[in-house]
Amino acid sequence: MKQAVLVVDVQPCFDPPEWLVERAQKLATGFPSVATVQRYDEGKVPFVRQLGWRPETVDDALVDADHTVLKYGYSPTDEVIDRFRAWQVDRVLVCGIQAETCVLAAGFLLFDAGLQPTMIADAVSGSSLDRSGKLGVDLWRHHFGNVIERHSDVV
C-alpha cells in the first residue's frame, strides 16, 4: 500500500502547539506530503459575513511538505486529490489543526475520491471548541474508521 501525508492548516494564524508542528514535520519528512494553507478571500468564502472572523490573507505553512496547496474554506481543493493520484497513493495519513472542522473536511474529500483517509490521532489538534482534538478523532473514527493512535507507529 502506497502512503502519503496530508498536513492540514498547520500555519501561524492558527497558533498550533509546537508538538503538532514537530509531529507533522516528522510525518511529512517520511512520506510524500502535501500541506494545505488556509487563506482569506471574502469573495470566495464569507467568513466575516457569517462568522465575524477571518483567517490571514497571507500565511504560510509551518511544515515543509513536498507540495503546498492554498485553500479558501474548510475543504482542501481538488489539487490535493490530483497530487495524491499522480503519486498513485492508496492511503493518506492525515494530521493538522482543527480536527473537527478542517481536518474532518479533508477526510470527506479523500474518502469521496476513493482514497483511504487515516487520521494520526496524536498529530491533530482541535479548534477553540475542543483543543484536545478528541471530538475530531471521534468523528473521524465514526465516519472513516481509520485512526492510528501514535505518529511513532508510522514514522
C-alpha atoms as a PDB file:
ATOM      1  CA  MET A   1       0.000   0.000   0.000  1.00  0.00           C
ATOM      2  CA  LYS A   2       1.464   3.346  -1.047  1.00  0.00           C
ATOM      3  CA  GLN A   3       1.030   6.079   1.564  1.00  0.00           C
ATOM      4  CA  ALA A   4       1.336   9.856   1.648  1.00  0.00           C
ATOM      5  CA  VAL A   5       0.704  12.564   4.231  1.00  0.00           C
ATOM      6  CA  LEU A   6      -1.718  15.478   4.237  1.00  0.00           C
ATOM      7  CA  VAL A   7      -0.852  18.247   6.715  1.00  0.00           C
ATOM      8  CA  VAL A   8      -3.946  20.398   7.254  1.00  0.00           C
ATOM      9  CA  ASP A   9      -3.552  24.104   8.024  1.00  0.00           C
ATOM     10  CA  VAL A  10      -0.525  23.985  10.324  1.00  0.00           C
ATOM     11  CA  GLN A  11       0.168  27.688   9.925  1.00  0.00           C
ATOM     12  CA  PRO A  12       0.907  30.691  12.170  1.00  0.00           C
ATOM     13  CA  CYS A  13      -2.579  32.257  12.248  1.00  0.00           C
ATOM     14  CA  PHE A  14      -3.975  29.152  13.992  1.00  0.00           C
ATOM     15  CA  ASP A  15      -1.184  29.191  16.607  1.00  0.00           C
ATOM     16  CA  PRO A  16      -0.534  25.439  16.518  1.00  0.00           C
ATOM     17  CA  PRO A  17       1.204  23.877  19.500  1.00  0.00           C
ATOM     18  CA  GLU A  18       4.886  23.149  18.908  1.00  0.00           C
ATOM     19  CA  TRP A  19       4.357  19.401  19.406  1.00  0.00           C
ATOM     20  CA  LEU A  20       1.896  19.418  16.499  1.00  0.00           C
ATOM     21  CA  VAL A  21       4.339  21.203  14.192  1.00  0.00           C
ATOM     22  CA  GLU A  22       7.102  18.730  15.154  1.00  0.00           C
ATOM     23  CA  ARG A  23       4.941  15.617  14.649  1.00  0.00           C
ATOM     24  CA  ALA A  24       3.520  16.898  11.363  1.00  0.00           C
ATOM     25  CA  GLN A  25       7.041  17.627  10.126  1.00  0.00           C
ATOM     26  CA  LYS A  26       8.198  14.104  11.029  1.00  0.00           C
ATOM     27  CA  LEU A  27       5.286  12.649   9.074  1.00  0.00           C
ATOM     28  CA  ALA A  28       5.833  14.975   6.101  1.00  0.00           C
ATOM     29  CA  THR A  29       9.511  14.072   6.005  1.00  0.00           C
ATOM     30  CA  GLY A  30       8.828  10.335   5.992  1.00  0.00           C
ATOM     31  CA  PHE A  31       6.328  10.206   3.121  1.00  0.00           C
ATOM     32  CA  PRO A  32       5.331  12.123   0.008  1.00  0.00           C
ATOM     33  CA  SER A  33       3.452  15.063   1.509  1.00  0.00           C
ATOM     34  CA  VAL A  34       1.008  17.855   0.810  1.00  0.00           C
ATOM     35  CA  ALA A  35       0.334  20.757   3.183  1.00  0.00           C
ATOM     36  CA  THR A  36      -2.745  22.939   2.947  1.00  0.00           C
ATOM     37  CA  VAL A  37      -2.721  26.602   3.916  1.00  0.00           C
ATOM     38  CA  GLN A  38      -5.957  28.459   4.506  1.00  0.00           C
ATOM     39  CA  ARG A  39      -6.123  31.984   3.120  1.00  0.00           C
ATOM     40  CA  TYR A  40      -8.795  34.650   3.244  1.00  0.00           C
ATOM     41  CA  ASP A  41     -10.869  35.993   0.377  1.00  0.00           C
ATOM     42  CA  GLU A  42     -14.358  37.090   1.389  1.00  0.00           C
ATOM     43  CA  GLY A  43     -15.424  36.866  -2.262  1.00  0.00           C
ATOM     44  CA  LYS A  44     -14.736  33.120  -2.181  1.00  0.00           C
ATOM     45  CA  VAL A  45     -15.770  32.182   1.366  1.00  0.00           C
ATOM     46  CA  PRO A  46     -17.876  34.503   3.588  1.00  0.00           C
ATOM     47  CA  PHE A  47     -16.002  34.095   6.882  1.00  0.00           C
ATOM     48  CA  VAL A  48     -16.545  37.681   8.062  1.00  0.00           C
ATOM     49  CA  ARG A  49     -20.171  37.897   6.925  1.00  0.00           C
ATOM     50  CA  GLN A  50     -21.151  34.579   8.516  1.00  0.00           C
ATOM     51  CA  LEU A  51     -18.699  34.126  11.379  1.00  0.00           C
ATOM     52  CA  GLY A  52     -17.261  37.572  12.107  1.00  0.00           C
ATOM     53  CA  TRP A  53     -13.779  36.069  11.821  1.00  0.00           C
ATOM     54  CA  ARG A  54     -11.252  35.606   9.070  1.00  0.00           C
ATOM     55  CA  PRO A  55      -8.002  33.759   8.529  1.00  0.00           C
ATOM     56  CA  GLU A  56      -4.972  35.719   7.359  1.00  0.00           C
ATOM     57  CA  THR A  57      -4.789  36.916   3.764  1.00  0.00           C
ATOM     58  CA  VAL A  58      -1.143  35.848   3.676  1.00  0.00           C
ATOM     59  CA  ASP A  59       0.081  32.964   5.813  1.00  0.00           C
ATOM     60  CA  ASP A  60       2.486  30.127   5.129  1.00  0.00           C
ATOM     61  CA  ALA A  61       2.768  26.503   6.198  1.00  0.00           C
ATOM     62  CA  LEU A  62       4.930  25.794   9.226  1.00  0.00           C
ATOM     63  CA  VAL A  63       5.662  22.321   7.863  1.00  0.00           C
ATOM     64  CA  ASP A  64       7.992  21.783   4.936  1.00  0.00           C
ATOM     65  CA  ALA A  65       5.996  19.469   2.640  1.00  0.00           C
ATOM     66  CA  ASP A  66       6.693  18.294  -0.890  1.00  0.00           C
ATOM     67  CA  HIS A  67       3.756  20.334  -2.179  1.00  0.00           C
ATOM     68  CA  THR A  68       1.685  23.188  -0.690  1.00  0.00           C
ATOM     69  CA  VAL A  69      -1.897  23.914  -1.718  1.00  0.00           C
ATOM     70  CA  LEU A  70      -3.798  27.108  -0.884  1.00  0.00           C
ATOM     71  CA  LYS A  71      -7.449  26.858   0.099  1.00  0.00           C
ATOM     72  CA  TYR A  72     -10.106  29.424   0.943  1.00  0.00           C
ATOM     73  CA  GLY A  73     -12.531  27.481   3.109  1.00  0.00           C
ATOM     74  CA  TYR A  74     -12.708  24.359   5.213  1.00  0.00           C
ATOM     75  CA  SER A  75     -12.122  21.777   2.486  1.00  0.00           C
ATOM     76  CA  PRO A  76      -8.960  21.200   0.501  1.00  0.00           C
ATOM     77  CA  THR A  77      -9.174  21.737  -3.237  1.00  0.00           C
ATOM     78  CA  ASP A  78      -9.178  19.095  -5.952  1.00  0.00           C
ATOM     79  CA  GLU A  79      -5.496  19.905  -6.449  1.00  0.00           C
ATOM     80  CA  VAL A  80      -4.823  17.832  -3.315  1.00  0.00           C
ATOM     81  CA  ILE A  81      -6.568  14.807  -4.820  1.00  0.00           C
ATOM     82  CA  ASP A  82      -4.789  15.329  -8.147  1.00  0.00           C
ATOM     83  CA  ARG A  83      -1.413  15.287  -6.365  1.00  0.00           C
ATOM     84  CA  PHE A  84      -2.188  12.066  -4.487  1.00  0.00           C
ATOM     85  CA  ARG A  85      -3.466  10.410  -7.650  1.00  0.00           C
ATOM     86  CA  ALA A  86      -0.308  11.454  -9.524  1.00  0.00           C
ATOM     87  CA  TRP A  87       1.692   9.746  -6.775  1.00  0.00           C
ATOM     88  CA  GLN A  88      -0.599   6.676  -7.058  1.00  0.00           C
ATOM     89  CA  VAL A  89      -1.396   6.792  -3.353  1.00  0.00           C
ATOM     90  CA  ASP A  90      -3.755   4.310  -1.700  1.00  0.00           C
ATOM     91  CA  ARG A  91      -3.804   5.629   1.863  1.00  0.00           C
ATOM     92  CA  VAL A  92      -3.430   9.214   3.071  1.00  0.00           C
ATOM     93  CA  LEU A  93      -2.188   9.798   6.612  1.00  0.00           C
ATOM     94  CA  VAL A  94      -3.813  12.992   7.858  1.00  0.00           C
ATOM     95  CA  CYS A  95      -2.600  15.343  10.569  1.00  0.00           C
ATOM     96  CA  GLY A  96      -3.192  19.006  11.331  1.00  0.00           C
ATOM     97  CA  ILE A  97      -5.168  21.604  13.171  1.00  0.00           C
ATOM     98  CA  GLN A  98      -8.908  21.929  13.777  1.00  0.00           C
ATOM     99  CA  ALA A  99      -9.576  18.189  13.889  1.00  0.00           C
ATOM    100  CA  GLU A 100     -13.357  18.552  13.994  1.00  0.00           C
ATOM    101  CA  THR A 101     -13.592  21.035  11.107  1.00  0.00           C
ATOM    102  CA  CYS A 102     -10.802  21.393   8.511  1.00  0.00           C
ATOM    103  CA  VAL A 103      -9.193  18.013   9.183  1.00  0.00           C
ATOM    104  CA  LEU A 104     -12.591  16.309   9.045  1.00  0.00           C
ATOM    105  CA  ALA A 105     -13.440  18.162   5.809  1.00  0.00           C
ATOM    106  CA  ALA A 106     -10.198  16.822   4.322  1.00  0.00           C
ATOM    107  CA  GLY A 107     -11.249  13.323   5.326  1.00  0.00           C
ATOM    108  CA  PHE A 108     -14.525  13.646   3.435  1.00  0.00           C
ATOM    109  CA  LEU A 109     -12.719  14.892   0.311  1.00  0.00           C
ATOM    110  CA  LEU A 110     -10.231  11.995   0.437  1.00  0.00           C
ATOM    111  CA  PHE A 111     -12.946   9.425   1.149  1.00  0.00           C
ATOM    112  CA  ASP A 112     -15.164  10.675  -1.675  1.00  0.00           C
ATOM    113  CA  ALA A 113     -12.164  10.455  -4.030  1.00  0.00           C
ATOM    114  CA  GLY A 114     -11.767   6.752  -3.225  1.00  0.00           C
ATOM    115  CA  LEU A 115      -8.633   7.137  -1.135  1.00  0.00           C
ATOM    116  CA  GLN A 116      -8.242   5.698   2.359  1.00  0.00           C
ATOM    117  CA  PRO A 117      -8.059   8.638   4.793  1.00  0.00           C
ATOM    118  CA  THR A 118      -6.321   7.683   8.023  1.00  0.00           C
ATOM    119  CA  MET A 119      -6.023  10.120  10.911  1.00  0.00           C
ATOM    120  CA  ILE A 120      -2.928  10.196  13.101  1.00  0.00           C
ATOM    121  CA  ALA A 121      -4.613  10.882  16.458  1.00  0.00           C
ATOM    122  CA  ASP A 122      -1.623  12.306  18.323  1.00  0.00           C
ATOM    123  CA  ALA A 123      -0.827  14.620  15.399  1.00  0.00           C
ATOM    124  CA  VAL A 124      -4.073  16.604  15.404  1.00  0.00           C
ATOM    125  CA  SER A 125      -5.275  19.499  17.492  1.00  0.00           C
ATOM    126  CA  GLY A 126      -8.799  20.787  17.792  1.00  0.00           C
ATOM    127  CA  SER A 127     -10.340  24.204  17.332  1.00  0.00           C
ATOM    128  CA  SER A 128     -11.277  26.503  20.207  1.00  0.00           C
ATOM    129  CA  LEU A 129     -14.333  24.279  20.723  1.00  0.00           C
ATOM    130  CA  ASP A 130     -12.134  21.312  21.725  1.00  0.00           C
ATOM    131  CA  ARG A 131      -8.385  21.966  21.825  1.00  0.00           C
ATOM    132  CA  SER A 132      -7.709  18.315  22.685  1.00  0.00           C
ATOM    133  CA  GLY A 133      -8.915  17.187  19.270  1.00  0.00           C
ATOM    134  CA  LYS A 134     -10.871  14.318  20.853  1.00  0.00           C
ATOM    135  CA  LEU A 135     -14.142  15.347  19.209  1.00  0.00           C
ATOM    136  CA  GLY A 136     -12.451  15.337  15.795  1.00  0.00           C
ATOM    137  CA  VAL A 137     -10.852  11.939  16.412  1.00  0.00           C
ATOM    138  CA  ASP A 138     -14.220  10.505  17.487  1.00  0.00           C
ATOM    139  CA  LEU A 139     -15.982  11.953  14.429  1.00  0.00           C
ATOM    140  CA  TRP A 140     -13.210  10.653  12.156  1.00  0.00           C
ATOM    141  CA  ARG A 141     -13.442   7.162  13.647  1.00  0.00           C
ATOM    142  CA  HIS A 142     -17.239   7.231  13.197  1.00  0.00           C
ATOM    143  CA  HIS A 143     -17.132   8.355   9.553  1.00  0.00           C
ATOM    144  CA  PHE A 144     -13.945   6.726   8.218  1.00  0.00           C
ATOM    145  CA  GLY A 145     -12.873   4.151  10.810  1.00  0.00           C
ATOM    146  CA  ASN A 146      -9.155   4.504  10.152  1.00  0.00           C
ATOM    147  CA  VAL A 147      -7.246   6.039  13.056  1.00  0.00           C
ATOM    148  CA  ILE A 148      -3.642   5.416  14.036  1.00  0.00           C
ATOM    149  CA  GLU A 149      -3.130   6.490  17.634  1.00  0.00           C
ATOM    150  CA  ARG A 150       0.572   7.439  17.589  1.00  0.00           C
ATOM    151  CA  HIS A 151       2.657   9.068  14.849  1.00  0.00           C
ATOM    152  CA  SER A 152       5.604   6.978  16.024  1.00  0.00           C
ATOM    153  CA  ASP A 153       3.774   3.883  14.750  1.00  0.00           C
ATOM    154  CA  VAL A 154       4.226   5.084  11.144  1.00  0.00           C
ATOM    155  CA  VAL A 155       7.489   7.088  11.138  1.00  0.00           C
END
